[in-house]
PDB file of all heavy atoms in Angstrom:
ATOM      1  N   PRO A   1     -13.863 -47.333 160.607  1.00  0.00           N
ATOM      2  CA  PRO A   1     -15.272 -47.503 160.220  1.00  0.00           C
ATOM      3  C   PRO A   1     -15.784 -48.848 160.745  1.00  0.00           C
ATOM      4  O   PRO A   1     -15.054 -49.838 160.744  1.00  0.00           O
ATOM      5  CB  PRO A   1     -15.241 -47.469 158.694  1.00  0.00           C
ATOM      6  CG  PRO A   1     -13.820 -47.739 158.308  1.00  0.00           C
ATOM      7  CD  PRO A   1     -12.961 -47.321 159.461  1.00  0.00           C
ATOM      8  N   LEU A   2     -17.013 -48.845 161.196  1.00  0.00           N
ATOM      9  CA  LEU A   2     -17.616 -50.068 161.713  1.00  0.00           C
ATOM     10  C   LEU A   2     -18.516 -50.675 160.653  1.00  0.00           C
ATOM     11  O   LEU A   2     -19.306 -49.975 160.025  1.00  0.00           O
ATOM     12  CB  LEU A   2     -18.416 -49.772 162.986  1.00  0.00           C
ATOM     13  CG  LEU A   2     -17.609 -49.243 164.166  1.00  0.00           C
ATOM     14  CD1 LEU A   2     -18.534 -48.851 165.314  1.00  0.00           C
ATOM     15  CD2 LEU A   2     -16.590 -50.271 164.636  1.00  0.00           C
ATOM     16  N   THR A   3     -18.392 -51.974 160.459  1.00  0.00           N
ATOM     17  CA  THR A   3     -19.230 -52.692 159.497  1.00  0.00           C
ATOM     18  C   THR A   3     -20.551 -53.082 160.164  1.00  0.00           C
ATOM     19  O   THR A   3     -20.719 -52.924 161.378  1.00  0.00           O
ATOM     20  CB  THR A   3     -18.519 -53.965 159.015  1.00  0.00           C
ATOM     21  OG1 THR A   3     -18.386 -54.866 160.122  1.00  0.00           O
ATOM     22  CG2 THR A   3     -17.138 -53.657 158.447  1.00  0.00           C
ATOM     23  N   ALA A   4     -21.452 -53.626 159.402  1.00  0.00           N
ATOM     24  CA  ALA A   4     -22.744 -54.062 159.944  1.00  0.00           C
ATOM     25  C   ALA A   4     -22.551 -55.120 161.030  1.00  0.00           C
ATOM     26  O   ALA A   4     -23.310 -55.164 162.005  1.00  0.00           O
ATOM     27  CB  ALA A   4     -23.619 -54.599 158.821  1.00  0.00           C
ATOM     28  N   LYS A   5     -21.521 -55.959 160.892  1.00  0.00           N
ATOM     29  CA  LYS A   5     -21.255 -56.996 161.904  1.00  0.00           C
ATOM     30  C   LYS A   5     -20.898 -56.391 163.263  1.00  0.00           C
ATOM     31  O   LYS A   5     -21.076 -57.032 164.293  1.00  0.00           O
ATOM     32  CB  LYS A   5     -20.144 -57.919 161.432  1.00  0.00           C
ATOM     33  CG  LYS A   5     -20.536 -58.796 160.278  1.00  0.00           C
ATOM     34  CD  LYS A   5     -20.144 -60.219 160.565  1.00  0.00           C
ATOM     35  CE  LYS A   5     -20.547 -61.118 159.437  1.00  0.00           C
ATOM     36  NZ  LYS A   5     -21.728 -61.872 159.725  1.00  0.00           N
ATOM     37  N   ALA A   6     -20.402 -55.170 163.259  1.00  0.00           N
ATOM     38  CA  ALA A   6     -20.030 -54.507 164.509  1.00  0.00           C
ATOM     39  C   ALA A   6     -21.234 -54.256 165.405  1.00  0.00           C
ATOM     40  O   ALA A   6     -21.080 -54.057 166.613  1.00  0.00           O
ATOM     41  CB  ALA A   6     -19.328 -53.185 164.219  1.00  0.00           C
ATOM     42  N   PHE A   7     -22.432 -54.277 164.833  1.00  0.00           N
ATOM     43  CA  PHE A   7     -23.644 -54.001 165.598  1.00  0.00           C
ATOM     44  C   PHE A   7     -24.492 -55.246 165.823  1.00  0.00           C
ATOM     45  O   PHE A   7     -25.617 -55.148 166.303  1.00  0.00           O
ATOM     46  CB  PHE A   7     -24.461 -52.914 164.901  1.00  0.00           C
ATOM     47  CG  PHE A   7     -23.645 -51.688 164.589  1.00  0.00           C
ATOM     48  CD1 PHE A   7     -23.408 -51.317 163.272  1.00  0.00           C
ATOM     49  CD2 PHE A   7     -23.074 -50.943 165.601  1.00  0.00           C
ATOM     50  CE1 PHE A   7     -22.646 -50.198 162.980  1.00  0.00           C
ATOM     51  CE2 PHE A   7     -22.306 -49.819 165.317  1.00  0.00           C
ATOM     52  CZ  PHE A   7     -22.089 -49.446 164.009  1.00  0.00           C
ATOM     53  N   GLU A   8     -23.928 -56.423 165.482  1.00  0.00           N
ATOM     54  CA  GLU A   8     -24.614 -57.699 165.714  1.00  0.00           C
ATOM     55  C   GLU A   8     -24.071 -58.314 166.994  1.00  0.00           C
ATOM     56  O   GLU A   8     -22.890 -58.634 167.089  1.00  0.00           O
ATOM     57  CB  GLU A   8     -24.375 -58.663 164.552  1.00  0.00           C
ATOM     58  CG  GLU A   8     -25.024 -58.251 163.262  1.00  0.00           C
ATOM     59  CD  GLU A   8     -24.707 -59.211 162.126  1.00  0.00           C
ATOM     60  OE1 GLU A   8     -24.417 -60.408 162.397  1.00  0.00           O
ATOM     61  OE2 GLU A   8     -24.730 -58.759 160.970  1.00  0.00           O
ATOM     62  N   LEU A   9     -24.931 -58.466 167.960  1.00  0.00           N
ATOM     63  CA  LEU A   9     -24.553 -59.035 169.249  1.00  0.00           C
ATOM     64  C   LEU A   9     -24.606 -60.557 169.163  1.00  0.00           C
ATOM     65  O   LEU A   9     -25.614 -61.122 168.747  1.00  0.00           O
ATOM     66  CB  LEU A   9     -25.528 -58.521 170.305  1.00  0.00           C
ATOM     67  CG  LEU A   9     -25.222 -58.771 171.761  1.00  0.00           C
ATOM     68  CD1 LEU A   9     -23.901 -58.115 172.162  1.00  0.00           C
ATOM     69  CD2 LEU A   9     -26.342 -58.222 172.615  1.00  0.00           C
ATOM     70  N   THR A  10     -23.508 -61.228 169.515  1.00  0.00           N
ATOM     71  CA  THR A  10     -23.523 -62.693 169.486  1.00  0.00           C
ATOM     72  C   THR A  10     -23.786 -63.288 170.860  1.00  0.00           C
ATOM     73  O   THR A  10     -24.391 -64.338 170.965  1.00  0.00           O
ATOM     74  CB  THR A  10     -22.214 -63.274 168.907  1.00  0.00           C
ATOM     75  OG1 THR A  10     -21.121 -62.851 169.696  1.00  0.00           O
ATOM     76  CG2 THR A  10     -22.017 -62.826 167.476  1.00  0.00           C
ATOM     77  N   ARG A  11     -23.328 -62.604 171.910  1.00  0.00           N
ATOM     78  CA  ARG A  11     -23.634 -63.046 173.277  1.00  0.00           C
ATOM     79  C   ARG A  11     -23.213 -61.974 174.272  1.00  0.00           C
ATOM     80  O   ARG A  11     -22.521 -61.026 173.917  1.00  0.00           O
ATOM     81  CB  ARG A  11     -22.974 -64.371 173.615  1.00  0.00           C
ATOM     82  CG  ARG A  11     -21.476 -64.353 173.667  1.00  0.00           C
ATOM     83  CD  ARG A  11     -20.941 -65.780 173.849  1.00  0.00           C
ATOM     84  NE  ARG A  11     -19.514 -65.761 173.665  1.00  0.00           N
ATOM     85  CZ  ARG A  11     -18.652 -66.217 174.550  1.00  0.00           C
ATOM     86  NH1 ARG A  11     -19.077 -66.740 175.665  1.00  0.00           N
ATOM     87  NH2 ARG A  11     -17.364 -66.161 174.297  1.00  0.00           N
ATOM     88  N   ILE A  12     -23.652 -62.157 175.503  1.00  0.00           N
ATOM     89  CA  ILE A  12     -23.286 -61.251 176.590  1.00  0.00           C
ATOM     90  C   ILE A  12     -22.762 -62.093 177.735  1.00  0.00           C
ATOM     91  O   ILE A  12     -23.397 -63.059 178.151  1.00  0.00           O
ATOM     92  CB  ILE A  12     -24.497 -60.432 177.076  1.00  0.00           C
ATOM     93  CG1 ILE A  12     -25.006 -59.523 175.961  1.00  0.00           C
ATOM     94  CG2 ILE A  12     -24.137 -59.605 178.304  1.00  0.00           C
ATOM     95  CD1 ILE A  12     -26.261 -58.775 176.309  1.00  0.00           C
ATOM     96  N   ILE A  13     -21.602 -61.721 178.227  1.00  0.00           N
ATOM     97  CA  ILE A  13     -20.982 -62.405 179.363  1.00  0.00           C
ATOM     98  C   ILE A  13     -21.151 -61.519 180.591  1.00  0.00           C
ATOM     99  O   ILE A  13     -20.888 -60.316 180.528  1.00  0.00           O
ATOM    100  CB  ILE A  13     -19.480 -62.643 179.094  1.00  0.00           C
ATOM    101  CG1 ILE A  13     -19.293 -63.487 177.837  1.00  0.00           C
ATOM    102  CG2 ILE A  13     -18.804 -63.278 180.305  1.00  0.00           C
ATOM    103  CD1 ILE A  13     -17.873 -63.494 177.292  1.00  0.00           C
ATOM    104  N   THR A  14     -21.590 -62.101 181.695  1.00  0.00           N
ATOM    105  CA  THR A  14     -21.653 -61.356 182.957  1.00  0.00           C
ATOM    106  C   THR A  14     -20.287 -61.440 183.613  1.00  0.00           C
ATOM    107  O   THR A  14     -19.706 -62.519 183.720  1.00  0.00           O
ATOM    108  CB  THR A  14     -22.729 -61.942 183.887  1.00  0.00           C
ATOM    109  OG1 THR A  14     -23.986 -61.886 183.212  1.00  0.00           O
ATOM    110  CG2 THR A  14     -22.815 -61.158 185.185  1.00  0.00           C
ATOM    111  N   VAL A  15     -19.765 -60.296 184.031  1.00  0.00           N
ATOM    112  CA  VAL A  15     -18.441 -60.221 184.654  1.00  0.00           C
ATOM    113  C   VAL A  15     -18.642 -59.920 186.137  1.00  0.00           C
ATOM    114  O   VAL A  15     -19.069 -58.817 186.499  1.00  0.00           O
ATOM    115  CB  VAL A  15     -17.575 -59.131 183.991  1.00  0.00           C
ATOM    116  CG1 VAL A  15     -16.212 -59.055 184.657  1.00  0.00           C
ATOM    117  CG2 VAL A  15     -17.432 -59.389 182.499  1.00  0.00           C
ATOM    118  N   GLY A  16     -18.342 -60.921 186.967  1.00  0.00           N
ATOM    119  CA  GLY A  16     -18.539 -60.743 188.403  1.00  0.00           C
ATOM    120  C   GLY A  16     -19.952 -60.287 188.690  1.00  0.00           C
ATOM    121  O   GLY A  16     -20.893 -60.671 188.033  1.00  0.00           O
ATOM    122  N   GLY A  17     -20.084 -59.427 189.669  1.00  0.00           N
ATOM    123  CA  GLY A  17     -21.390 -58.876 190.005  1.00  0.00           C
ATOM    124  C   GLY A  17     -21.461 -57.413 189.677  1.00  0.00           C
ATOM    125  O   GLY A  17     -22.213 -56.669 190.308  1.00  0.00           O
ATOM    126  N   TYR A  18     -20.690 -56.977 188.646  1.00  0.00           N
ATOM    127  CA  TYR A  18     -20.612 -55.541 188.411  1.00  0.00           C
ATOM    128  C   TYR A  18     -20.678 -55.111 186.947  1.00  0.00           C
ATOM    129  O   TYR A  18     -20.808 -53.918 186.668  1.00  0.00           O
ATOM    130  CB  TYR A  18     -19.329 -54.975 189.018  1.00  0.00           C
ATOM    131  CG  TYR A  18     -18.070 -55.388 188.310  1.00  0.00           C
ATOM    132  CD1 TYR A  18     -17.511 -54.583 187.333  1.00  0.00           C
ATOM    133  CD2 TYR A  18     -17.451 -56.595 188.600  1.00  0.00           C
ATOM    134  CE1 TYR A  18     -16.347 -54.967 186.667  1.00  0.00           C
ATOM    135  CE2 TYR A  18     -16.298 -56.980 187.953  1.00  0.00           C
ATOM    136  CZ  TYR A  18     -15.757 -56.161 186.987  1.00  0.00           C
ATOM    137  OH  TYR A  18     -14.615 -56.546 186.331  1.00  0.00           O
ATOM    138  N   ALA A  19     -20.579 -56.022 185.982  1.00  0.00           N
ATOM    139  CA  ALA A  19     -20.495 -55.583 184.588  1.00  0.00           C
ATOM    140  C   ALA A  19     -20.973 -56.666 183.629  1.00  0.00           C
ATOM    141  O   ALA A  19     -21.110 -57.829 183.990  1.00  0.00           O
ATOM    142  CB  ALA A  19     -19.045 -55.212 184.242  1.00  0.00           C
ATOM    143  N   ILE A  20     -21.179 -56.223 182.380  1.00  0.00           N
ATOM    144  CA  ILE A  20     -21.414 -57.150 181.277  1.00  0.00           C
ATOM    145  C   ILE A  20     -20.331 -56.919 180.231  1.00  0.00           C
ATOM    146  O   ILE A  20     -19.734 -55.847 180.157  1.00  0.00           O
ATOM    147  CB  ILE A  20     -22.811 -56.990 180.634  1.00  0.00           C
ATOM    148  CG1 ILE A  20     -22.964 -55.602 179.992  1.00  0.00           C
ATOM    149  CG2 ILE A  20     -23.910 -57.310 181.619  1.00  0.00           C
ATOM    150  CD1 ILE A  20     -24.148 -55.484 179.048  1.00  0.00           C
ATOM    151  N   GLN A  21     -20.088 -57.965 179.440  1.00  0.00           N
ATOM    152  CA  GLN A  21     -19.106 -57.898 178.363  1.00  0.00           C
ATOM    153  C   GLN A  21     -19.782 -58.395 177.084  1.00  0.00           C
ATOM    154  O   GLN A  21     -19.901 -59.591 176.864  1.00  0.00           O
ATOM    155  CB  GLN A  21     -17.897 -58.763 178.704  1.00  0.00           C
ATOM    156  CG  GLN A  21     -16.807 -58.744 177.673  1.00  0.00           C
ATOM    157  CD  GLN A  21     -15.626 -59.614 178.098  1.00  0.00           C
ATOM    158  OE1 GLN A  21     -15.706 -60.378 179.053  1.00  0.00           O
ATOM    159  NE2 GLN A  21     -14.545 -59.477 177.385  1.00  0.00           N
ATOM    160  N   PRO A  22     -20.236 -57.468 176.235  1.00  0.00           N
ATOM    161  CA  PRO A  22     -20.842 -57.899 174.973  1.00  0.00           C
ATOM    162  C   PRO A  22     -19.792 -58.487 174.023  1.00  0.00           C
ATOM    163  O   PRO A  22     -18.654 -58.018 173.981  1.00  0.00           O
ATOM    164  CB  PRO A  22     -21.413 -56.610 174.376  1.00  0.00           C
ATOM    165  CG  PRO A  22     -21.421 -55.615 175.486  1.00  0.00           C
ATOM    166  CD  PRO A  22     -20.334 -56.027 176.413  1.00  0.00           C
ATOM    167  N   VAL A  23     -20.196 -59.493 173.285  1.00  0.00           N
ATOM    168  CA  VAL A  23     -19.353 -60.073 172.239  1.00  0.00           C
ATOM    169  C   VAL A  23     -20.069 -59.792 170.920  1.00  0.00           C
ATOM    170  O   VAL A  23     -21.226 -60.176 170.740  1.00  0.00           O
ATOM    171  CB  VAL A  23     -19.154 -61.592 172.451  1.00  0.00           C
ATOM    172  CG1 VAL A  23     -18.333 -62.184 171.324  1.00  0.00           C
ATOM    173  CG2 VAL A  23     -18.516 -61.866 173.809  1.00  0.00           C
ATOM    174  N   TRP A  24     -19.370 -59.095 170.027  1.00  0.00           N
ATOM    175  CA  TRP A  24     -19.947 -58.651 168.770  1.00  0.00           C
ATOM    176  C   TRP A  24     -19.526 -59.564 167.628  1.00  0.00           C
ATOM    177  O   TRP A  24     -18.477 -60.211 167.687  1.00  0.00           O
ATOM    178  CB  TRP A  24     -19.517 -57.210 168.492  1.00  0.00           C
ATOM    179  CG  TRP A  24     -19.930 -56.279 169.593  1.00  0.00           C
ATOM    180  CD1 TRP A  24     -19.159 -55.852 170.634  1.00  0.00           C
ATOM    181  CD2 TRP A  24     -21.210 -55.699 169.804  1.00  0.00           C
ATOM    182  NE1 TRP A  24     -19.877 -55.032 171.465  1.00  0.00           N
ATOM    183  CE2 TRP A  24     -21.146 -54.917 170.982  1.00  0.00           C
ATOM    184  CE3 TRP A  24     -22.418 -55.742 169.106  1.00  0.00           C
ATOM    185  CZ2 TRP A  24     -22.238 -54.196 171.467  1.00  0.00           C
ATOM    186  CZ3 TRP A  24     -23.501 -55.026 169.595  1.00  0.00           C
ATOM    187  CH2 TRP A  24     -23.398 -54.261 170.759  1.00  0.00           C
ATOM    188  N   ALA A  25     -20.329 -59.612 166.573  1.00  0.00           N
ATOM    189  CA  ALA A  25     -20.091 -60.509 165.435  1.00  0.00           C
ATOM    190  C   ALA A  25     -18.798 -60.205 164.690  1.00  0.00           C
ATOM    191  O   ALA A  25     -18.268 -61.077 164.004  1.00  0.00           O
ATOM    192  CB  ALA A  25     -21.273 -60.470 164.468  1.00  0.00           C
TER     193      ALA A  25
END
């Protein structure tokens, strides 16, 4: 089960020139 914190975005990291990596609370 995912808690409310699972849907809180704390930051986004750009990975190379091809992807993003979201960091969740």
